[in-house]
């Protein structure tokens, strides 16, 4: 074997080893990229799942708040009706009290008129007897 043949053989062999190593390295790089893509997809799925969990929790919180608000509104409506009834009762009581006062005033005036008439008659009677 000649020296140039051995050199060519070694060169070709070296190239085969280098190419083989490059092929393995390329395969390894490709596998790493594939692994990264898988991890990326898994992380995105986790993020989506967590986002959906948070949205569901927010929906539940809103539903609970809506239920409480509706209950408070109903209670306020009941309280308002009760206060409106109280206002009507106060107005009615006030009206009745004023009517009663008006009756008492008229009764007192009648008594004053009757007393005044009685005294006038007594004065007239006294004046007639002492003339």
N, C-alpha and C. Protein backbone atom coordinates (compact mmCIF):
# COMPACT_ATOMS: atom_id res chain seq x y z
N UNK A 1 0.82 -1.14 0.00
CA UNK A 1 0.00 0.00 0.00
C UNK A 1 0.89 1.23 0.00
N UNK A 2 0.40 2.10 -0.79
CA UNK A 2 1.21 3.29 -0.92
C UNK A 2 0.82 4.28 0.16
N UNK A 3 1.76 5.17 0.31
CA UNK A 3 1.58 6.17 1.34
C UNK A 3 0.40 7.06 0.98
N UNK A 4 0.21 7.43 -0.25
CA UNK A 4 -0.89 8.29 -0.62
C UNK A 4 -2.22 7.55 -0.49
N UNK A 5 -2.18 6.23 -0.74
CA UNK A 5 -3.39 5.44 -0.57
C UNK A 5 -3.78 5.42 0.90
N UNK A 6 -2.79 5.22 1.76
CA UNK A 6 -3.05 5.20 3.20
C UNK A 6 -3.55 6.57 3.67
N UNK A 7 -2.97 7.59 3.11
CA UNK A 7 -3.41 8.94 3.48
C UNK A 7 -4.86 9.15 3.02
N UNK A 8 -5.13 8.72 1.80
CA UNK A 8 -6.50 8.85 1.30
C UNK A 8 -7.46 8.03 2.15
N UNK A 9 -7.02 6.83 2.52
CA UNK A 9 -7.84 5.96 3.34
C UNK A 9 -8.08 6.58 4.71
N UNK A 10 -7.02 7.12 5.29
CA UNK A 10 -7.14 7.78 6.59
C UNK A 10 -8.02 9.03 6.46
N UNK A 11 -7.85 9.74 5.39
CA UNK A 11 -8.66 10.95 5.18
C UNK A 11 -10.12 10.57 5.03
N UNK A 12 -10.37 9.56 4.21
CA UNK A 12 -11.75 9.10 4.02
C UNK A 12 -12.29 8.57 5.33
N UNK A 13 -11.50 7.80 6.04
CA UNK A 13 -11.93 7.26 7.33
C UNK A 13 -12.20 8.39 8.32
N UNK A 14 -11.34 9.36 8.31
CA UNK A 14 -11.53 10.51 9.20
C UNK A 14 -12.81 11.27 8.86
N UNK A 15 -13.00 11.40 7.53
CA UNK A 15 -14.23 12.07 7.10
C UNK A 15 -15.46 11.28 7.53
N UNK A 16 -15.36 9.97 7.41
CA UNK A 16 -16.48 9.11 7.82
C UNK A 16 -16.73 9.29 9.31
N UNK A 17 -15.65 9.30 10.10
CA UNK A 17 -15.79 9.49 11.54
C UNK A 17 -16.36 10.87 11.83
N UNK A 18 -15.85 11.89 11.13
CA UNK A 18 -16.33 13.26 11.35
C UNK A 18 -17.79 13.37 10.93
N UNK A 19 -18.10 12.81 9.76
CA UNK A 19 -19.48 12.85 9.29
C UNK A 19 -20.40 12.06 10.21
N UNK A 20 -19.91 10.93 10.68
CA UNK A 20 -20.69 10.12 11.61
C UNK A 20 -20.91 10.90 12.89
N UNK A 21 -19.87 11.55 13.37
CA UNK A 21 -19.99 12.36 14.58
C UNK A 21 -20.94 13.53 14.34
N UNK A 22 -20.84 14.13 13.17
CA UNK A 22 -21.74 15.23 12.83
C UNK A 22 -23.17 14.75 12.75
N UNK A 23 -23.35 13.57 12.17
CA UNK A 23 -24.69 12.99 12.08
C UNK A 23 -25.26 12.73 13.47
N UNK A 24 -24.42 12.19 14.36
CA UNK A 24 -24.88 11.94 15.73
C UNK A 24 -25.18 13.25 16.45
N UNK A 25 -24.29 14.23 16.20
CA UNK A 25 -24.49 15.54 16.84
C UNK A 25 -25.76 16.18 16.30
N UNK A 26 -25.99 16.07 14.99
CA UNK A 26 -27.20 16.62 14.39
C UNK A 26 -28.43 15.93 14.97
N UNK A 27 -28.35 14.61 15.12
CA UNK A 27 -29.46 13.86 15.70
C UNK A 27 -29.69 14.26 17.15
N UNK A 28 -28.61 14.47 17.86
CA UNK A 28 -28.71 14.88 19.26
C UNK A 28 -29.32 16.29 19.35
N UNK A 29 -28.86 17.20 18.49
CA UNK A 29 -29.41 18.57 18.46
C UNK A 29 -30.89 18.52 18.09
N UNK A 30 -31.21 17.69 17.11
CA UNK A 30 -32.60 17.55 16.70
C UNK A 30 -33.45 17.01 17.84
N UNK A 31 -32.93 16.04 18.56
CA UNK A 31 -33.66 15.47 19.69
C UNK A 31 -33.85 16.51 20.80
N UNK A 32 -32.82 17.30 21.06
CA UNK A 32 -32.93 18.35 22.08
C UNK A 32 -33.98 19.39 21.68
N UNK A 33 -33.99 19.76 20.38
CA UNK A 33 -35.00 20.71 19.91
C UNK A 33 -36.40 20.12 20.07
N UNK A 34 -36.51 18.84 19.74
CA UNK A 34 -37.80 18.16 19.90
C UNK A 34 -38.23 18.15 21.37
N UNK A 35 -37.29 17.87 22.27
CA UNK A 35 -37.58 17.88 23.71
C UNK A 35 -38.02 19.26 24.18
N UNK A 36 -37.35 20.28 23.67
CA UNK A 36 -37.69 21.67 24.03
C UNK A 36 -39.11 21.98 23.54
N UNK A 37 -39.42 21.55 22.31
CA UNK A 37 -40.77 21.78 21.79
C UNK A 37 -41.82 21.07 22.65
N UNK A 38 -41.51 19.85 23.08
CA UNK A 38 -42.43 19.12 23.95
C UNK A 38 -42.63 19.84 25.28
N UNK A 39 -41.52 20.31 25.87
CA UNK A 39 -41.61 21.04 27.14
C UNK A 39 -42.41 22.33 26.95
N UNK A 40 -42.15 23.01 25.83
CA UNK A 40 -42.88 24.25 25.53
C UNK A 40 -44.38 23.95 25.46
N UNK A 41 -44.75 22.90 24.73
CA UNK A 41 -46.17 22.54 24.60
C UNK A 41 -46.77 22.17 25.95
N UNK A 42 -46.03 21.42 26.76
CA UNK A 42 -46.52 21.04 28.09
C UNK A 42 -46.71 22.28 28.97
N UNK A 43 -45.76 23.20 28.91
CA UNK A 43 -45.87 24.42 29.70
C UNK A 43 -47.06 25.26 29.25
N UNK A 44 -47.28 25.33 27.94
CA UNK A 44 -48.43 26.08 27.43
C UNK A 44 -49.73 25.43 27.89
N UNK A 45 -49.77 24.11 27.88
CA UNK A 45 -50.95 23.41 28.35
C UNK A 45 -51.20 23.69 29.84
N UNK A 46 -50.12 23.69 30.61
CA UNK A 46 -50.24 24.00 32.04
C UNK A 46 -50.75 25.43 32.24
N UNK A 47 -50.21 26.34 31.45
CA UNK A 47 -50.62 27.75 31.54
C UNK A 47 -52.10 27.87 31.18
N UNK A 48 -52.52 27.20 30.10
CA UNK A 48 -53.93 27.24 29.70
C UNK A 48 -54.82 26.64 30.80
N UNK A 49 -54.38 25.51 31.35
CA UNK A 49 -55.16 24.86 32.41
C UNK A 49 -55.29 25.78 33.62
N UNK A 50 -54.19 26.40 34.02
CA UNK A 50 -54.22 27.31 35.17
C UNK A 50 -55.10 28.52 34.88
N UNK A 51 -55.00 29.03 33.65
CA UNK A 51 -55.85 30.16 33.27
C UNK A 51 -57.32 29.78 33.35
N UNK A 52 -57.65 28.59 32.88
CA UNK A 52 -59.04 28.13 32.95
C UNK A 52 -59.49 27.94 34.40
N UNK A 53 -58.60 27.43 35.24
CA UNK A 53 -58.93 27.28 36.67
C UNK A 53 -59.21 28.65 37.29
N UNK A 54 -58.37 29.63 36.97
CA UNK A 54 -58.55 30.98 37.51
C UNK A 54 -59.85 31.60 37.01
N UNK A 55 -60.17 31.38 35.73
CA UNK A 55 -61.42 31.91 35.19
C UNK A 55 -62.61 31.26 35.88
N UNK A 56 -62.54 29.96 36.10
CA UNK A 56 -63.62 29.24 36.78
C UNK A 56 -63.78 29.77 38.20
N UNK A 57 -62.66 29.97 38.88
CA UNK A 57 -62.73 30.51 40.24
C UNK A 57 -63.32 31.92 40.24
N UNK A 58 -62.94 32.72 39.25
CA UNK A 58 -63.49 34.08 39.15
C UNK A 58 -64.99 34.02 38.89
N UNK A 59 -65.42 33.09 38.03
CA UNK A 59 -66.85 32.93 37.76
C UNK A 59 -67.60 32.55 39.03
N UNK A 60 -67.04 31.64 39.80
CA UNK A 60 -67.68 31.21 41.05
C UNK A 60 -67.76 32.37 42.04
N UNK A 61 -66.68 33.13 42.14
CA UNK A 61 -66.67 34.29 43.04
C UNK A 61 -67.74 35.29 42.62
N UNK A 62 -67.85 35.53 41.32
CA UNK A 62 -68.86 36.46 40.82
C UNK A 62 -70.26 35.94 41.12
N UNK A 63 -70.49 34.65 40.89
CA UNK A 63 -71.81 34.08 41.17
C UNK A 63 -72.17 34.25 42.64
N UNK A 64 -71.21 33.98 43.52
CA UNK A 64 -71.45 34.13 44.96
C UNK A 64 -71.75 35.59 45.30
N UNK A 65 -70.99 36.49 44.71
CA UNK A 65 -71.22 37.92 44.96
C UNK A 65 -72.59 38.34 44.44
N UNK A 66 -72.97 37.84 43.25
CA UNK A 66 -74.28 38.16 42.69
C UNK A 66 -75.41 37.66 43.60
N UNK A 67 -75.24 36.46 44.14
CA UNK A 67 -76.26 35.91 45.04
C UNK A 67 -76.39 36.78 46.29
N UNK A 68 -75.24 37.18 46.85
CA UNK A 68 -75.27 38.04 48.05
C UNK A 68 -75.91 39.39 47.74
N UNK A 69 -75.55 39.95 46.59
CA UNK A 69 -76.10 41.26 46.21
C UNK A 69 -77.60 41.16 46.02
N UNK A 70 -78.05 40.10 45.34
CA UNK A 70 -79.49 39.92 45.14
C UNK A 70 -80.21 39.77 46.48
N UNK A 71 -79.62 39.02 47.39
CA UNK A 71 -80.23 38.85 48.71
C UNK A 71 -80.30 40.20 49.44
N UNK A 72 -79.23 40.98 49.34
CA UNK A 72 -79.23 42.30 49.98
C UNK A 72 -80.28 43.21 49.35
N UNK A 73 -80.41 43.14 48.01
CA UNK A 73 -81.42 43.95 47.33
C UNK A 73 -82.82 43.58 47.81
N UNK A 74 -83.08 42.28 47.92
CA UNK A 74 -84.39 41.83 48.39
C UNK A 74 -84.65 42.32 49.81
N UNK A 75 -83.62 42.24 50.65
CA UNK A 75 -83.77 42.70 52.03
C UNK A 75 -84.02 44.20 52.06
N UNK A 76 -83.29 44.94 51.21
CA UNK A 76 -83.51 46.39 51.16
C UNK A 76 -84.92 46.72 50.67
N UNK A 77 -85.41 45.94 49.70
CA UNK A 77 -86.78 46.15 49.23
C UNK A 77 -87.78 45.91 50.36
N UNK A 78 -87.56 44.83 51.13
CA UNK A 78 -88.43 44.55 52.27
C UNK A 78 -88.35 45.67 53.32
N UNK A 79 -87.12 46.12 53.59
CA UNK A 79 -86.93 47.21 54.55
C UNK A 79 -87.63 48.48 54.07
N UNK A 80 -87.52 48.78 52.77
CA UNK A 80 -88.16 49.97 52.21
C UNK A 80 -89.67 49.87 52.35
N UNK A 81 -90.23 48.69 52.04
CA UNK A 81 -91.67 48.52 52.19
C UNK A 81 -92.10 48.74 53.63
N UNK A 82 -91.31 48.20 54.56
CA UNK A 82 -91.62 48.38 55.98
C UNK A 82 -91.55 49.86 56.36
N UNK A 83 -90.53 50.56 55.86
CA UNK A 83 -90.41 51.99 56.17
C UNK A 83 -91.54 52.79 55.52
N UNK A 84 -91.93 52.41 54.31
CA UNK A 84 -93.06 53.09 53.67
C UNK A 84 -94.33 52.88 54.49
N UNK A 85 -94.52 51.68 55.00
CA UNK A 85 -95.70 51.40 55.84
C UNK A 85 -95.62 52.21 57.13
N UNK A 86 -94.40 52.28 57.71
CA UNK A 86 -94.22 53.10 58.92
C UNK A 86 -94.57 54.55 58.64
N UNK A 87 -94.16 55.06 57.48
CA UNK A 87 -94.45 56.45 57.12
C UNK A 87 -95.96 56.65 56.99
N UNK A 88 -96.65 55.68 56.37
CA UNK A 88 -98.11 55.78 56.25
C UNK A 88 -98.75 55.77 57.64
N UNK A 89 -98.26 54.90 58.51
CA UNK A 89 -98.80 54.82 59.87
C UNK A 89 -98.59 56.12 60.62
N UNK A 90 -97.41 56.73 60.46
CA UNK A 90 -97.12 58.01 61.12
C UNK A 90 -98.04 59.09 60.57
N UNK A 91 -98.22 59.11 59.24
CA UNK A 91 -99.12 60.11 58.63
C UNK A 91 -100.54 59.94 59.15
N UNK A 92 -101.00 58.69 59.23
CA UNK A 92 -102.36 58.41 59.70
C UNK A 92 -102.50 58.83 61.16
N UNK A 93 -101.51 58.48 61.98
CA UNK A 93 -101.56 58.85 63.39
C UNK A 93 -101.54 60.36 63.56
N UNK A 94 -100.73 61.04 62.74
CA UNK A 94 -100.66 62.50 62.79
C UNK A 94 -102.00 63.11 62.41
N UNK A 95 -102.59 62.58 61.35
CA UNK A 95 -103.89 63.09 60.90
C UNK A 95 -104.96 62.90 61.97
N UNK A 96 -104.98 61.71 62.55
CA UNK A 96 -105.96 61.44 63.61
C UNK A 96 -105.73 62.33 64.83
N UNK A 97 -104.45 62.53 65.17
CA UNK A 97 -104.13 63.39 66.32
C UNK A 97 -104.58 64.81 66.06
N UNK A 98 -104.37 65.32 64.85
CA UNK A 98 -104.78 66.69 64.52
C UNK A 98 -106.30 66.81 64.53
N UNK A 99 -106.98 65.78 64.01
CA UNK A 99 -108.45 65.81 64.05
C UNK A 99 -108.94 65.82 65.50
N UNK A 100 -108.30 65.03 66.33
CA UNK A 100 -108.68 64.99 67.75
C UNK A 100 -108.43 66.34 68.41
N UNK A 101 -107.30 66.96 68.04
CA UNK A 101 -106.99 68.29 68.59
C UNK A 101 -108.03 69.29 68.12
N UNK A 102 -108.40 69.22 66.83
CA UNK A 102 -109.42 70.14 66.31
C UNK A 102 -110.75 69.95 67.06
N UNK A 103 -111.12 68.69 67.32
CA UNK A 103 -112.36 68.42 68.07
C UNK A 103 -112.28 68.98 69.49
N UNK A 104 -111.13 68.79 70.11
CA UNK A 104 -110.95 69.29 71.48
C UNK A 104 -110.99 70.81 71.51
N UNK A 105 -110.35 71.43 70.48
CA UNK A 105 -110.38 72.90 70.39
C UNK A 105 -111.82 73.38 70.26
N UNK A 106 -112.59 72.73 69.38
CA UNK A 106 -113.99 73.14 69.20
C UNK A 106 -114.79 72.91 70.49
N UNK A 107 -114.51 71.79 71.15
CA UNK A 107 -115.22 71.51 72.41
C UNK A 107 -114.86 72.57 73.45
N UNK A 108 -113.58 72.93 73.55
CA UNK A 108 -113.16 73.95 74.52
C UNK A 108 -113.78 75.31 74.19
N UNK A 109 -113.84 75.63 72.88
CA UNK A 109 -114.46 76.91 72.47
C UNK A 109 -115.94 76.91 72.85
N UNK A 110 -116.57 75.76 72.66
CA UNK A 110 -118.00 75.67 73.01
C UNK A 110 -118.18 75.89 74.51
N UNK A 111 -117.29 75.33 75.30
CA UNK A 111 -117.36 75.51 76.75
C UNK A 111 -117.15 76.97 77.11
N UNK A 112 -116.15 77.61 76.43
CA UNK A 112 -115.88 79.03 76.70
C UNK A 112 -117.11 79.85 76.31
N UNK A 113 -117.70 79.54 75.14
CA UNK A 113 -118.90 80.28 74.71
C UNK A 113 -120.03 80.08 75.73
N UNK A 114 -120.20 78.82 76.15
CA UNK A 114 -121.28 78.52 77.10
C UNK A 114 -121.04 79.24 78.42
N UNK A 115 -119.80 79.25 78.89
CA UNK A 115 -119.46 79.94 80.15
C UNK A 115 -119.69 81.44 80.01
N UNK A 116 -119.25 81.97 78.83
CA UNK A 116 -119.43 83.41 78.62
C UNK A 116 -120.92 83.75 78.59
N UNK A 117 -121.72 82.95 77.89
CA UNK A 117 -123.16 83.19 77.84
C UNK A 117 -123.77 83.10 79.24
N UNK A 118 -123.34 82.13 80.02
CA UNK A 118 -123.85 81.94 81.38
C UNK A 118 -123.53 83.17 82.23
N UNK A 119 -122.27 83.63 82.12
CA UNK A 119 -121.87 84.79 82.93
C UNK A 119 -122.63 86.03 82.48
N UNK A 120 -122.81 86.18 81.15
CA UNK A 120 -123.57 87.33 80.65
C UNK A 120 -125.01 87.30 81.19
N UNK A 121 -125.59 86.12 81.20
CA UNK A 121 -126.96 85.99 81.72
C UNK A 121 -126.99 86.33 83.21
N UNK A 122 -125.97 85.89 83.92
CA UNK A 122 -125.91 86.20 85.35
C UNK A 122 -125.76 87.71 85.56
N UNK A 123 -124.91 88.32 84.67
CA UNK A 123 -124.73 89.77 84.77
C UNK A 123 -126.06 90.47 84.47
N UNK A 124 -126.70 90.00 83.40
CA UNK A 124 -127.99 90.61 83.04
C UNK A 124 -129.00 90.44 84.18
N UNK A 125 -129.01 89.25 84.75
CA UNK A 125 -129.94 88.97 85.85
C UNK A 125 -129.59 89.85 87.05
N UNK A 126 -128.32 89.99 87.35
CA UNK A 126 -127.88 90.82 88.48
C UNK A 126 -128.22 92.29 88.23
N UNK A 127 -128.02 92.69 86.97
CA UNK A 127 -128.29 94.08 86.62
C UNK A 127 -129.79 94.36 86.73
N UNK A 128 -130.63 93.45 86.37
CA UNK A 128 -132.08 93.64 86.44
C UNK A 128 -132.54 93.69 87.90
N UNK A 129 -131.95 92.87 88.71
CA UNK A 129 -132.37 92.84 90.10
C UNK A 129 -131.82 94.03 90.88
N UNK A 130 -130.80 94.65 90.45
CA UNK A 130 -130.24 95.78 91.20
C UNK A 130 -130.51 97.11 90.53
N UNK A 131 -131.40 97.20 89.71
CA UNK A 131 -131.77 98.45 89.09
C UNK A 131 -132.62 99.25 89.97
